[in-house]
């Protein structure tokens, strides 16, 4: 994740027109950043409770997270690299597309666009 965020000197960011949709938008969170090389980073995650702790038994368990189908639509086709930083530091998918549909589970995904 730190390699994705590493950047050069300051710059004036330009906007990226995008639409992010999902069946349960109440749990979907996103944040958009732009690097000095012009590429955008779109962070996607679900705002859900992932772990449950029982104070009586002093034990915990991970909760099942239902996958969420997320679509990102851009004004035009652009190169998109999909990263899952909790799994590996290289892209899990690379496409050139105007619309990308991803399955989002418990982990964060980062889309490098441009």
PDB file of N, CA and C in Angstrom:
ATOM      1  N   UNK A   1       0.829  -1.180   0.000  1.00  0.00           N
ATOM      2  CA  UNK A   1       0.000   0.000   0.000  1.00  0.00           C
ATOM      3  C   UNK A   1       0.879   1.251   0.000  1.00  0.00           C
ATOM      4  N   UNK A   2       1.980   1.222   0.722  1.00  0.00           N
ATOM      5  CA  UNK A   2       2.837   2.400   0.776  1.00  0.00           C
ATOM      6  C   UNK A   2       3.439   2.719  -0.584  1.00  0.00           C
ATOM      7  N   UNK A   3       3.771   1.702  -1.377  1.00  0.00           N
ATOM      8  CA  UNK A   3       4.284   1.953  -2.725  1.00  0.00           C
ATOM      9  C   UNK A   3       3.233   2.624  -3.599  1.00  0.00           C
ATOM     10  N   UNK A   4       1.977   2.252  -3.433  1.00  0.00           N
ATOM     11  CA  UNK A   4       0.915   2.902  -4.203  1.00  0.00           C
ATOM     12  C   UNK A   4       0.780   4.373  -3.832  1.00  0.00           C
ATOM     13  N   UNK A   5       0.989   4.710  -2.563  1.00  0.00           N
ATOM     14  CA  UNK A   5       0.804   6.079  -2.084  1.00  0.00           C
ATOM     15  C   UNK A   5       2.054   6.944  -2.241  1.00  0.00           C
ATOM     16  N   UNK A   6       3.229   6.312  -2.439  1.00  0.00           N
ATOM     17  CA  UNK A   6       4.463   7.077  -2.582  1.00  0.00           C
ATOM     18  C   UNK A   6       4.321   8.021  -3.772  1.00  0.00           C
ATOM     19  N   UNK A   7       4.755   9.279  -3.600  1.00  0.00           N
ATOM     20  CA  UNK A   7       4.530  10.267  -4.644  1.00  0.00           C
ATOM     21  C   UNK A   7       5.648  11.293  -4.664  1.00  0.00           C
ATOM     22  N   UNK A   8       5.672  12.081  -5.711  1.00  0.00           N
ATOM     23  CA  UNK A   8       6.669  13.126  -5.889  1.00  0.00           C
ATOM     24  C   UNK A   8       6.212  14.445  -5.287  1.00  0.00           C
ATOM     25  N   UNK A   9       6.781  15.538  -5.814  1.00  0.00           N
ATOM     26  CA  UNK A   9       6.439  16.856  -5.282  1.00  0.00           C
ATOM     27  C   UNK A   9       4.975  17.213  -5.525  1.00  0.00           C
ATOM     28  N   UNK A  10       4.521  18.234  -4.821  1.00  0.00           N
ATOM     29  CA  UNK A  10       3.121  18.650  -4.895  1.00  0.00           C
ATOM     30  C   UNK A  10       2.676  19.004  -6.308  1.00  0.00           C
ATOM     31  N   UNK A  11       1.389  18.945  -6.533  1.00  0.00           N
ATOM     32  CA  UNK A  11       0.809  19.249  -7.828  1.00  0.00           C
ATOM     33  C   UNK A  11      -0.634  19.687  -7.629  1.00  0.00           C
ATOM     34  N   UNK A  12      -1.218  20.192  -8.695  1.00  0.00           N
ATOM     35  CA  UNK A  12      -2.626  20.574  -8.642  1.00  0.00           C
ATOM     36  C   UNK A  12      -3.436  19.421  -9.203  1.00  0.00           C
ATOM     37  N   UNK A  13      -4.247  18.757  -8.370  1.00  0.00           N
ATOM     38  CA  UNK A  13      -5.005  17.593  -8.840  1.00  0.00           C
ATOM     39  C   UNK A  13      -6.127  17.981  -9.809  1.00  0.00           C
ATOM     40  N   UNK A  14      -6.399  17.072 -10.716  1.00  0.00           N
ATOM     41  CA  UNK A  14      -7.539  17.232 -11.616  1.00  0.00           C
ATOM     42  C   UNK A  14      -8.597  16.223 -11.206  1.00  0.00           C
ATOM     43  N   UNK A  15      -9.825  16.524 -11.496  1.00  0.00           N
ATOM     44  CA  UNK A  15     -10.909  15.636 -11.106  1.00  0.00           C
ATOM     45  C   UNK A  15     -10.992  14.399 -11.986  1.00  0.00           C
ATOM     46  N   UNK A  16     -11.568  13.381 -11.464  1.00  0.00           N
ATOM     47  CA  UNK A  16     -11.865  12.160 -12.214  1.00  0.00           C
ATOM     48  C   UNK A  16     -13.357  11.934 -12.060  1.00  0.00           C
ATOM     49  N   UNK A  17     -14.074  12.061 -13.169  1.00  0.00           N
ATOM     50  CA  UNK A  17     -15.519  11.822 -13.110  1.00  0.00           C
ATOM     51  C   UNK A  17     -15.737  10.324 -13.075  1.00  0.00           C
ATOM     52  N   UNK A  18     -16.417   9.882 -12.026  1.00  0.00           N
ATOM     53  CA  UNK A  18     -16.648   8.459 -11.824  1.00  0.00           C
ATOM     54  C   UNK A  18     -17.966   8.265 -11.105  1.00  0.00           C
ATOM     55  N   UNK A  19     -18.514   7.075 -11.286  1.00  0.00           N
ATOM     56  CA  UNK A  19     -19.727   6.700 -10.544  1.00  0.00           C
ATOM     57  C   UNK A  19     -19.459   5.332  -9.947  1.00  0.00           C
ATOM     58  N   UNK A  20     -19.647   5.221  -8.641  1.00  0.00           N
ATOM     59  CA  UNK A  20     -19.453   3.968  -7.925  1.00  0.00           C
ATOM     60  C   UNK A  20     -20.818   3.506  -7.447  1.00  0.00           C
ATOM     61  N   UNK A  21     -21.226   2.295  -7.849  1.00  0.00           N
ATOM     62  CA  UNK A  21     -22.539   1.781  -7.471  1.00  0.00           C
ATOM     63  C   UNK A  21     -22.418   0.376  -6.902  1.00  0.00           C
ATOM     64  N   UNK A  22     -23.343   0.040  -6.020  1.00  0.00           N
ATOM     65  CA  UNK A  22     -23.410  -1.286  -5.404  1.00  0.00           C
ATOM     66  C   UNK A  22     -24.831  -1.491  -4.895  1.00  0.00           C
ATOM     67  N   UNK A  23     -25.265  -2.762  -4.751  1.00  0.00           N
ATOM     68  CA  UNK A  23     -26.612  -3.027  -4.248  1.00  0.00           C
ATOM     69  C   UNK A  23     -26.842  -2.473  -2.838  1.00  0.00           C
ATOM     70  N   UNK A  24     -25.821  -2.548  -1.990  1.00  0.00           N
ATOM     71  CA  UNK A  24     -25.939  -2.054  -0.610  1.00  0.00           C
ATOM     72  C   UNK A  24     -24.980  -0.874  -0.425  1.00  0.00           C
ATOM     73  N   UNK A  25     -25.345   0.274  -0.945  1.00  0.00           N
ATOM     74  CA  UNK A  25     -24.453   1.424  -0.865  1.00  0.00           C
ATOM     75  C   UNK A  25     -24.256   1.918   0.563  1.00  0.00           C
ATOM     76  N   UNK A  26     -25.119   1.489   1.489  1.00  0.00           N
ATOM     77  CA  UNK A  26     -24.973   1.935   2.877  1.00  0.00           C
ATOM     78  C   UNK A  26     -23.712   1.371   3.527  1.00  0.00           C
ATOM     79  N   UNK A  27     -23.168   0.267   3.028  1.00  0.00           N
ATOM     80  CA  UNK A  27     -21.947  -0.310   3.600  1.00  0.00           C
ATOM     81  C   UNK A  27     -20.710   0.032   2.785  1.00  0.00           C
ATOM     82  N   UNK A  28     -20.876   0.560   1.587  1.00  0.00           N
ATOM     83  CA  UNK A  28     -19.752   0.846   0.701  1.00  0.00           C
ATOM     84  C   UNK A  28     -19.116   2.179   1.044  1.00  0.00           C
ATOM     85  N   UNK A  29     -17.789   2.192   1.128  1.00  0.00           N
ATOM     86  CA  UNK A  29     -17.037   3.419   1.351  1.00  0.00           C
ATOM     87  C   UNK A  29     -15.993   3.539   0.248  1.00  0.00           C
ATOM     88  N   UNK A  30     -15.676   4.796  -0.125  1.00  0.00           N
ATOM     89  CA  UNK A  30     -14.656   5.024  -1.140  1.00  0.00           C
ATOM     90  C   UNK A  30     -13.933   6.334  -0.855  1.00  0.00           C
ATOM     91  N   UNK A  31     -12.707   6.407  -1.325  1.00  0.00           N
ATOM     92  CA  UNK A  31     -11.916   7.631  -1.227  1.00  0.00           C
ATOM     93  C   UNK A  31     -11.077   7.727  -2.491  1.00  0.00           C
ATOM     94  N   UNK A  32     -11.007   8.921  -3.072  1.00  0.00           N
ATOM     95  CA  UNK A  32     -10.274   9.138  -4.309  1.00  0.00           C
ATOM     96  C   UNK A  32      -9.093  10.059  -4.047  1.00  0.00           C
ATOM     97  N   UNK A  33      -7.916   9.657  -4.539  1.00  0.00           N
ATOM     98  CA  UNK A  33      -6.711  10.475  -4.438  1.00  0.00           C
ATOM     99  C   UNK A  33      -6.079  10.539  -5.816  1.00  0.00           C
ATOM    100  N   UNK A  34      -5.237  11.557  -6.033  1.00  0.00           N
ATOM    101  CA  UNK A  34      -4.517  11.632  -7.300  1.00  0.00           C
ATOM    102  C   UNK A  34      -3.037  11.800  -7.033  1.00  0.00           C
ATOM    103  N   UNK A  35      -2.243  11.043  -7.791  1.00  0.00           N
ATOM    104  CA  UNK A  35      -0.793  11.123  -7.691  1.00  0.00           C
ATOM    105  C   UNK A  35      -0.282  12.230  -8.608  1.00  0.00           C
ATOM    106  N   UNK A  36       0.963  12.648  -8.409  1.00  0.00           N
ATOM    107  CA  UNK A  36       1.536  13.710  -9.234  1.00  0.00           C
ATOM    108  C   UNK A  36       1.759  13.265 -10.675  1.00  0.00           C
ATOM    109  N   UNK A  37       1.772  11.947 -10.945  1.00  0.00           N
ATOM    110  CA  UNK A  37       1.924  11.465 -12.323  1.00  0.00           C
ATOM    111  C   UNK A  37       0.590  11.444 -13.069  1.00  0.00           C
ATOM    112  N   UNK A  38      -0.475  11.933 -12.437  1.00  0.00           N
ATOM    113  CA  UNK A  38      -1.782  12.012 -13.068  1.00  0.00           C
ATOM    114  C   UNK A  38      -2.678  10.817 -12.815  1.00  0.00           C
ATOM    115  N   UNK A  39      -2.133   9.726 -12.279  1.00  0.00           N
ATOM    116  CA  UNK A  39      -2.950   8.547 -12.000  1.00  0.00           C
ATOM    117  C   UNK A  39      -3.789   8.780 -10.746  1.00  0.00           C
ATOM    118  N   UNK A  40      -4.992   8.222 -10.768  1.00  0.00           N
ATOM    119  CA  UNK A  40      -5.878   8.310  -9.613  1.00  0.00           C
ATOM    120  C   UNK A  40      -5.879   6.989  -8.859  1.00  0.00           C
ATOM    121  N   UNK A  41      -6.061   7.063  -7.553  1.00  0.00           N
ATOM    122  CA  UNK A  41      -6.206   5.892  -6.700  1.00  0.00           C
ATOM    123  C   UNK A  41      -7.591   5.948  -6.079  1.00  0.00           C
ATOM    124  N   UNK A  42      -8.401   4.940  -6.367  1.00  0.00           N
ATOM    125  CA  UNK A  42      -9.742   4.848  -5.798  1.00  0.00           C
ATOM    126  C   UNK A  42      -9.745   3.706  -4.789  1.00  0.00           C
ATOM    127  N   UNK A  43      -9.918   4.046  -3.520  1.00  0.00           N
ATOM    128  CA  UNK A  43      -9.939   3.065  -2.439  1.00  0.00           C
ATOM    129  C   UNK A  43     -11.382   2.643  -2.209  1.00  0.00           C
ATOM    130  N   UNK A  44     -11.633   1.342  -2.139  1.00  0.00           N
ATOM    131  CA  UNK A  44     -12.968   0.797  -1.918  1.00  0.00           C
ATOM    132  C   UNK A  44     -12.934  -0.160  -0.741  1.00  0.00           C
ATOM    133  N   UNK A  45     -13.897  -0.068   0.181  1.00  0.00           N
ATOM    134  CA  UNK A  45     -14.007  -0.997   1.293  1.00  0.00           C
ATOM    135  C   UNK A  45     -15.430  -1.003   1.819  1.00  0.00           C
ATOM    136  N   UNK A  46     -15.742  -2.024   2.588  1.00  0.00           N
ATOM    137  CA  UNK A  46     -17.047  -2.118   3.232  1.00  0.00           C
ATOM    138  C   UNK A  46     -16.909  -1.689   4.694  1.00  0.00           C
ATOM    139  N   UNK A  47     -17.814  -0.866   5.130  1.00  0.00           N
ATOM    140  CA  UNK A  47     -17.828  -0.415   6.517  1.00  0.00           C
ATOM    141  C   UNK A  47     -18.698  -1.376   7.323  1.00  0.00           C
ATOM    142  N   UNK A  48     -18.080  -2.473   7.730  1.00  0.00           N
ATOM    143  CA  UNK A  48     -18.786  -3.518   8.465  1.00  0.00           C
ATOM    144  C   UNK A  48     -17.955  -3.984   9.647  1.00  0.00           C
ATOM    145  N   UNK A  49     -18.617  -4.539  10.619  1.00  0.00           N
ATOM    146  CA  UNK A  49     -17.941  -5.163  11.752  1.00  0.00           C
ATOM    147  C   UNK A  49     -17.316  -6.469  11.251  1.00  0.00           C
ATOM    148  N   UNK A  50     -16.001  -6.612  11.438  1.00  0.00           N
ATOM    149  CA  UNK A  50     -15.279  -7.778  10.937  1.00  0.00           C
ATOM    150  C   UNK A  50     -14.981  -8.822  12.003  1.00  0.00           C
ATOM    151  N   UNK A  51     -14.997  -8.393  13.260  1.00  0.00           N
ATOM    152  CA  UNK A  51     -14.554  -9.274  14.342  1.00  0.00           C
ATOM    153  C   UNK A  51     -15.484  -9.087  15.534  1.00  0.00           C
ATOM    154  N   UNK A  52     -15.745 -10.161  16.234  1.00  0.00           N
ATOM    155  CA  UNK A  52     -16.619 -10.104  17.407  1.00  0.00           C
ATOM    156  C   UNK A  52     -15.873 -10.696  18.605  1.00  0.00           C
ATOM    157  N   UNK A  53     -15.842  -9.963  19.710  1.00  0.00           N
ATOM    158  CA  UNK A  53     -15.142 -10.389  20.916  1.00  0.00           C
ATOM    159  C   UNK A  53     -16.157 -10.677  22.021  1.00  0.00           C
ATOM    160  N   UNK A  54     -16.004 -11.812  22.668  1.00  0.00           N
ATOM    161  CA  UNK A  54     -16.883 -12.194  23.768  1.00  0.00           C
ATOM    162  C   UNK A  54     -16.124 -11.969  25.075  1.00  0.00           C
ATOM    163  N   UNK A  55     -16.576 -11.030  25.887  1.00  0.00           N
ATOM    164  CA  UNK A  55     -15.896 -10.694  27.140  1.00  0.00           C
ATOM    165  C   UNK A  55     -16.034 -11.791  28.192  1.00  0.00           C
ATOM    166  N   UNK A  56     -17.075 -12.576  28.109  1.00  0.00           N
ATOM    167  CA  UNK A  56     -17.266 -13.634  29.096  1.00  0.00           C
ATOM    168  C   UNK A  56     -16.306 -14.791  28.875  1.00  0.00           C
ATOM    169  N   UNK A  57     -16.151 -15.206  27.639  1.00  0.00           N
ATOM    170  CA  UNK A  57     -15.259 -16.343  27.349  1.00  0.00           C
ATOM    171  C   UNK A  57     -13.862 -15.892  26.964  1.00  0.00           C
ATOM    172  N   UNK A  58     -13.677 -14.585  26.837  1.00  0.00           N
ATOM    173  CA  UNK A  58     -12.391 -14.017  26.409  1.00  0.00           C
ATOM    174  C   UNK A  58     -11.904 -14.659  25.105  1.00  0.00           C
ATOM    175  N   UNK A  59     -12.819 -14.773  24.186  1.00  0.00           N
ATOM    176  CA  UNK A  59     -12.472 -15.316  22.872  1.00  0.00           C
ATOM    177  C   UNK A  59     -13.177 -14.498  21.801  1.00  0.00           C
ATOM    178  N   UNK A  60     -12.675 -14.605  20.619  1.00  0.00           N
ATOM    179  CA  UNK A  60     -13.265 -13.853  19.524  1.00  0.00           C
ATOM    180  C   UNK A  60     -13.340 -14.689  18.267  1.00  0.00           C
ATOM    181  N   UNK A  61     -14.024 -14.131  17.285  1.00  0.00           N
ATOM    182  CA  UNK A  61     -14.131 -14.823  16.011  1.00  0.00           C
ATOM    183  C   UNK A  61     -14.345 -13.801  14.906  1.00  0.00           C
ATOM    184  N   UNK A  62     -13.848 -14.164  13.728  1.00  0.00           N
ATOM    185  CA  UNK A  62     -14.089 -13.334  12.552  1.00  0.00           C
ATOM    186  C   UNK A  62     -15.499 -13.589  12.054  1.00  0.00           C
ATOM    187  N   UNK A  63     -16.167 -12.539  11.634  1.00  0.00           N
ATOM    188  CA  UNK A  63     -17.526 -12.644  11.135  1.00  0.00           C
ATOM    189  C   UNK A  63     -17.512 -12.884   9.627  1.00  0.00           C
ATOM    190  N   UNK A  64     -18.524 -13.560   9.141  1.00  0.00           N
ATOM    191  CA  UNK A  64     -18.667 -13.779   7.706  1.00  0.00           C
ATOM    192  C   UNK A  64     -19.105 -12.463   7.058  1.00  0.00           C
ATOM    193  N   UNK A  65     -18.416 -12.074   6.017  1.00  0.00           N
ATOM    194  CA  UNK A  65     -18.741 -10.856   5.294  1.00  0.00           C
ATOM    195  C   UNK A  65     -19.278 -11.255   3.920  1.00  0.00           C
ATOM    196  N   UNK A  66     -20.492 -10.855   3.624  1.00  0.00           N
ATOM    197  CA  UNK A  66     -21.078 -11.156   2.320  1.00  0.00           C
ATOM    198  C   UNK A  66     -20.384 -10.320   1.256  1.00  0.00           C
ATOM    199  N   UNK A  67     -19.976 -10.949   0.154  1.00  0.00           N
ATOM    200  CA  UNK A  67     -19.337 -10.192  -0.922  1.00  0.00           C
ATOM    201  C   UNK A  67     -20.304  -9.164  -1.506  1.00  0.00           C
ATOM    202  N   UNK A  68     -19.744  -8.053  -1.939  1.00  0.00           N
ATOM    203  CA  UNK A  68     -20.520  -6.957  -2.493  1.00  0.00           C
ATOM    204  C   UNK A  68     -20.044  -6.705  -3.916  1.00  0.00           C
ATOM    205  N   UNK A  69     -20.958  -6.695  -4.867  1.00  0.00           N
ATOM    206  CA  UNK A  69     -20.625  -6.408  -6.257  1.00  0.00           C
ATOM    207  C   UNK A  69     -20.602  -4.898  -6.448  1.00  0.00           C
ATOM    208  N   UNK A  70     -19.432  -4.367  -6.795  1.00  0.00           N
ATOM    209  CA  UNK A  70     -19.247  -2.925  -6.935  1.00  0.00           C
ATOM    210  C   UNK A  70     -18.898  -2.616  -8.387  1.00  0.00           C
ATOM    211  N   UNK A  71     -19.583  -1.636  -8.955  1.00  0.00           N
ATOM    212  CA  UNK A  71     -19.287  -1.198 -10.323  1.00  0.00           C
ATOM    213  C   UNK A  71     -18.749   0.223 -10.292  1.00  0.00           C
ATOM    214  N   UNK A  72     -17.672   0.436 -11.033  1.00  0.00           N
ATOM    215  CA  UNK A  72     -17.074   1.758 -11.181  1.00  0.00           C
ATOM    216  C   UNK A  72     -17.174   2.122 -12.656  1.00  0.00           C
ATOM    217  N   UNK A  73     -17.830   3.240 -12.941  1.00  0.00           N
ATOM    218  CA  UNK A  73     -18.002   3.691 -14.320  1.00  0.00           C
ATOM    219  C   UNK A  73     -17.293   5.030 -14.494  1.00  0.00           C
ATOM    220  N   UNK A  74     -16.479   5.124 -15.543  1.00  0.00           N
ATOM    221  CA  UNK A  74     -15.716   6.328 -15.862  1.00  0.00           C
ATOM    222  C   UNK A  74     -16.310   6.979 -17.111  1.00  0.00           C
ATOM    223  N   UNK A  75     -15.897   8.213 -17.413  1.00  0.00           N
ATOM    224  CA  UNK A  75     -16.358   8.896 -18.626  1.00  0.00           C
ATOM    225  C   UNK A  75     -15.807   8.248 -19.896  1.00  0.00           C
ATOM    226  N   UNK A  76     -14.651   7.621 -19.779  1.00  0.00           N
ATOM    227  CA  UNK A  76     -14.013   6.999 -20.943  1.00  0.00           C
ATOM    228  C   UNK A  76     -13.219   5.782 -20.498  1.00  0.00           C
ATOM    229  N   UNK A  77     -12.844   4.935 -21.437  1.00  0.00           N
ATOM    230  CA  UNK A  77     -12.020   3.766 -21.123  1.00  0.00           C
ATOM    231  C   UNK A  77     -10.623   4.221 -20.718  1.00  0.00           C
ATOM    232  N   UNK A  78     -10.144   3.691 -19.613  1.00  0.00           N
ATOM    233  CA  UNK A  78      -8.809   4.000 -19.101  1.00  0.00           C
ATOM    234  C   UNK A  78      -8.185   2.727 -18.564  1.00  0.00           C
ATOM    235  N   UNK A  79      -6.843   2.672 -18.489  1.00  0.00           N
ATOM    236  CA  UNK A  79      -6.192   1.533 -17.836  1.00  0.00           C
ATOM    237  C   UNK A  79      -6.535   1.522 -16.345  1.00  0.00           C
ATOM    238  N   UNK A  80      -6.893   0.346 -15.842  1.00  0.00           N
ATOM    239  CA  UNK A  80      -7.218   0.183 -14.422  1.00  0.00           C
ATOM    240  C   UNK A  80      -6.444  -1.016 -13.890  1.00  0.00           C
ATOM    241  N   UNK A  81      -5.685  -0.809 -12.828  1.00  0.00           N
ATOM    242  CA  UNK A  81      -5.004  -1.894 -12.124  1.00  0.00           C
ATOM    243  C   UNK A  81      -5.672  -2.048 -10.773  1.00  0.00           C
ATOM    244  N   UNK A  82      -6.074  -3.277 -10.445  1.00  0.00           N
ATOM    245  CA  UNK A  82      -6.761  -3.551  -9.185  1.00  0.00           C
ATOM    246  C   UNK A  82      -5.757  -4.167  -8.212  1.00  0.00           C
ATOM    247  N   UNK A  83      -5.641  -3.560  -7.042  1.00  0.00           N
ATOM    248  CA  UNK A  83      -4.754  -4.047  -5.988  1.00  0.00           C
ATOM    249  C   UNK A  83      -5.583  -4.495  -4.792  1.00  0.00           C
ATOM    250  N   UNK A  84      -5.131  -5.533  -4.137  1.00  0.00           N
ATOM    251  CA  UNK A  84      -5.664  -5.959  -2.846  1.00  0.00           C
ATOM    252  C   UNK A  84      -4.477  -5.988  -1.886  1.00  0.00           C
ATOM    253  N   UNK A  85      -4.182  -4.838  -1.242  1.00  0.00           N
ATOM    254  CA  UNK A  85      -2.961  -4.698  -0.438  1.00  0.00           C
ATOM    255  C   UNK A  85      -2.805  -5.725   0.680  1.00  0.00           C
ATOM    256  N   UNK A  86      -3.888  -6.272   1.202  1.00  0.00           N
ATOM    257  CA  UNK A  86      -3.762  -7.259   2.284  1.00  0.00           C
ATOM    258  C   UNK A  86      -3.322  -8.621   1.743  1.00  0.00           C
ATOM    259  N   UNK A  87      -3.376  -8.803   0.420  1.00  0.00           N
ATOM    260  CA  UNK A  87      -3.014 -10.091  -0.180  1.00  0.00           C
ATOM    261  C   UNK A  87      -1.636 -10.057  -0.822  1.00  0.00           C
ATOM    262  N   UNK A  88      -1.391  -9.040  -1.679  1.00  0.00           N
ATOM    263  CA  UNK A  88      -0.086  -8.936  -2.341  1.00  0.00           C
ATOM    264  C   UNK A  88       0.146  -7.516  -2.824  1.00  0.00           C
ATOM    265  N   UNK A  89       1.408  -7.218  -3.178  1.00  0.00           N
ATOM    266  CA  UNK A  89       1.761  -5.849  -3.547  1.00  0.00           C
ATOM    267  C   UNK A  89       1.782  -5.614  -5.056  1.00  0.00           C
ATOM    268  N   UNK A  90       1.341  -6.569  -5.828  1.00  0.00           N
ATOM    269  CA  UNK A  90       1.222  -6.409  -7.275  1.00  0.00           C
ATOM    270  C   UNK A  90      -0.254  -6.486  -7.655  1.00  0.00           C
ATOM    271  N   UNK A  91      -0.617  -5.961  -8.811  1.00  0.00           N
ATOM    272  CA  UNK A  91      -2.042  -5.977  -9.188  1.00  0.00           C
ATOM    273  C   UNK A  91      -2.596  -7.395  -9.299  1.00  0.00           C
ATOM    274  N   UNK A  92      -3.845  -7.558  -8.884  1.00  0.00           N
ATOM    275  CA  UNK A  92      -4.538  -8.837  -9.049  1.00  0.00           C
ATOM    276  C   UNK A  92      -5.286  -8.867 -10.378  1.00  0.00           C
ATOM    277  N   UNK A  93      -5.437  -7.684 -10.992  1.00  0.00           N
ATOM    278  CA  UNK A  93      -6.124  -7.594 -12.287  1.00  0.00           C
ATOM    279  C   UNK A  93      -5.694  -6.309 -12.971  1.00  0.00           C
ATOM    280  N   UNK A  94      -5.562  -6.370 -14.307  1.00  0.00           N
ATOM    281  CA  UNK A  94      -5.305  -5.172 -15.120  1.00  0.00           C
ATOM    282  C   UNK A  94      -6.244  -5.203 -16.316  1.00  0.00           C
ATOM    283  N   UNK A  95      -6.941  -4.100 -16.547  1.00  0.00           N
ATOM    284  CA  UNK A  95      -7.860  -4.006 -17.680  1.00  0.00           C
ATOM    285  C   UNK A  95      -7.823  -2.587 -18.236  1.00  0.00           C
ATOM    286  N   UNK A  96      -8.338  -2.437 -19.434  1.00  0.00           N
ATOM    287  CA  UNK A  96      -8.645  -1.121 -19.981  1.00  0.00           C
ATOM    288  C   UNK A  96     -10.153  -1.135 -20.162  1.00  0.00           C
ATOM    289  N   UNK A  97     -10.853  -0.268 -19.423  1.00  0.00           N
ATOM    290  CA  UNK A  97     -12.310  -0.340 -19.422  1.00  0.00           C
ATOM    291  C   UNK A  97     -12.914   0.998 -19.037  1.00  0.00           C
ATOM    292  N   UNK A  98     -14.168   1.167 -19.430  1.00  0.00           N
ATOM    293  CA  UNK A  98     -14.954   2.311 -18.985  1.00  0.00           C
ATOM    294  C   UNK A  98     -15.756   1.936 -17.746  1.00  0.00           C
ATOM    295  N   UNK A  99     -16.175   0.663 -17.675  1.00  0.00           N
ATOM    296  CA  UNK A  99     -16.891   0.151 -16.505  1.00  0.00           C
ATOM    297  C   UNK A  99     -16.188  -1.094 -16.000  1.00  0.00           C
ATOM    298  N   UNK A 100     -15.942  -1.137 -14.714  1.00  0.00           N
ATOM    299  CA  UNK A 100     -15.313  -2.284 -14.073  1.00  0.00           C
ATOM    300  C   UNK A 100     -16.212  -2.733 -12.937  1.00  0.00           C
ATOM    301  N   UNK A 101     -16.534  -4.026 -12.905  1.00  0.00           N
ATOM    302  CA  UNK A 101     -17.315  -4.582 -11.808  1.00  0.00           C
ATOM    303  C   UNK A 101     -16.416  -5.529 -11.027  1.00  0.00           C
ATOM    304  N   UNK A 102     -16.335  -5.300  -9.716  1.00  0.00           N
ATOM    305  CA  UNK A 102     -15.472  -6.059  -8.820  1.00  0.00           C
ATOM    306  C   UNK A 102     -16.296  -6.643  -7.685  1.00  0.00           C
ATOM    307  N   UNK A 103     -15.851  -7.785  -7.180  1.00  0.00           N
ATOM    308  CA  UNK A 103     -16.432  -8.343  -5.960  1.00  0.00           C
ATOM    309  C   UNK A 103     -15.577  -7.876  -4.796  1.00  0.00           C
ATOM    310  N   UNK A 104     -16.207  -7.188  -3.855  1.00  0.00           N
ATOM    311  CA  UNK A 104     -15.517  -6.617  -2.704  1.00  0.00           C
ATOM    312  C   UNK A 104     -15.905  -7.398  -1.464  1.00  0.00           C
ATOM    313  N   UNK A 105     -14.913  -7.993  -0.821  1.00  0.00           N
ATOM    314  CA  UNK A 105     -15.158  -8.749   0.400  1.00  0.00           C
ATOM    315  C   UNK A 105     -14.806  -7.928   1.627  1.00  0.00           C
ATOM    316  N   UNK A 106     -14.102  -8.553   2.583  1.00  0.00           N
ATOM    317  CA  UNK A 106     -13.753  -7.891   3.831  1.00  0.00           C
ATOM    318  C   UNK A 106     -12.561  -6.959   3.685  1.00  0.00           C
ATOM    319  N   UNK A 107     -11.708  -7.200   2.691  1.00  0.00           N
ATOM    320  CA  UNK A 107     -10.497  -6.396   2.537  1.00  0.00           C
ATOM    321  C   UNK A 107     -10.714  -5.177   1.670  1.00  0.00           C
ATOM    322  N   UNK A 108      -9.756  -4.255   1.744  1.00  0.00           N
ATOM    323  CA  UNK A 108      -9.772  -3.046   0.932  1.00  0.00           C
ATOM    324  C   UNK A 108      -9.237  -3.374  -0.461  1.00  0.00           C
ATOM    325  N   UNK A 109      -9.800  -2.716  -1.465  1.00  0.00           N
ATOM    326  CA  UNK A 109      -9.269  -2.774  -2.820  1.00  0.00           C
ATOM    327  C   UNK A 109      -8.867  -1.366  -3.226  1.00  0.00           C
ATOM    328  N   UNK A 110      -7.794  -1.273  -4.014  1.00  0.00           N
ATOM    329  CA  UNK A 110      -7.340   0.004  -4.536  1.00  0.00           C
ATOM    330  C   UNK A 110      -7.295  -0.100  -6.054  1.00  0.00           C
ATOM    331  N   UNK A 111      -8.011   0.780  -6.726  1.00  0.00           N
ATOM    332  CA  UNK A 111      -7.994   0.823  -8.176  1.00  0.00           C
ATOM    333  C   UNK A 111      -7.085   1.963  -8.595  1.00  0.00           C
ATOM    334  N   UNK A 112      -6.007   1.620  -9.325  1.00  0.00           N
ATOM    335  CA  UNK A 112      -5.137   2.647  -9.896  1.00  0.00           C
ATOM    336  C   UNK A 112      -5.650   2.913 -11.303  1.00  0.00           C
ATOM    337  N   UNK A 113      -6.100   4.133 -11.541  1.00  0.00           N
ATOM    338  CA  UNK A 113      -6.765   4.485 -12.790  1.00  0.00           C
ATOM    339  C   UNK A 113      -5.904   5.485 -13.557  1.00  0.00           C
ATOM    340  N   UNK A 114      -5.644   5.165 -14.813  1.00  0.00           N
ATOM    341  CA  UNK A 114      -4.875   6.053 -15.676  1.00  0.00           C
ATOM    342  C   UNK A 114      -3.546   5.477 -16.056  1.00  0.00           C
TER     343      UNK A 114
END
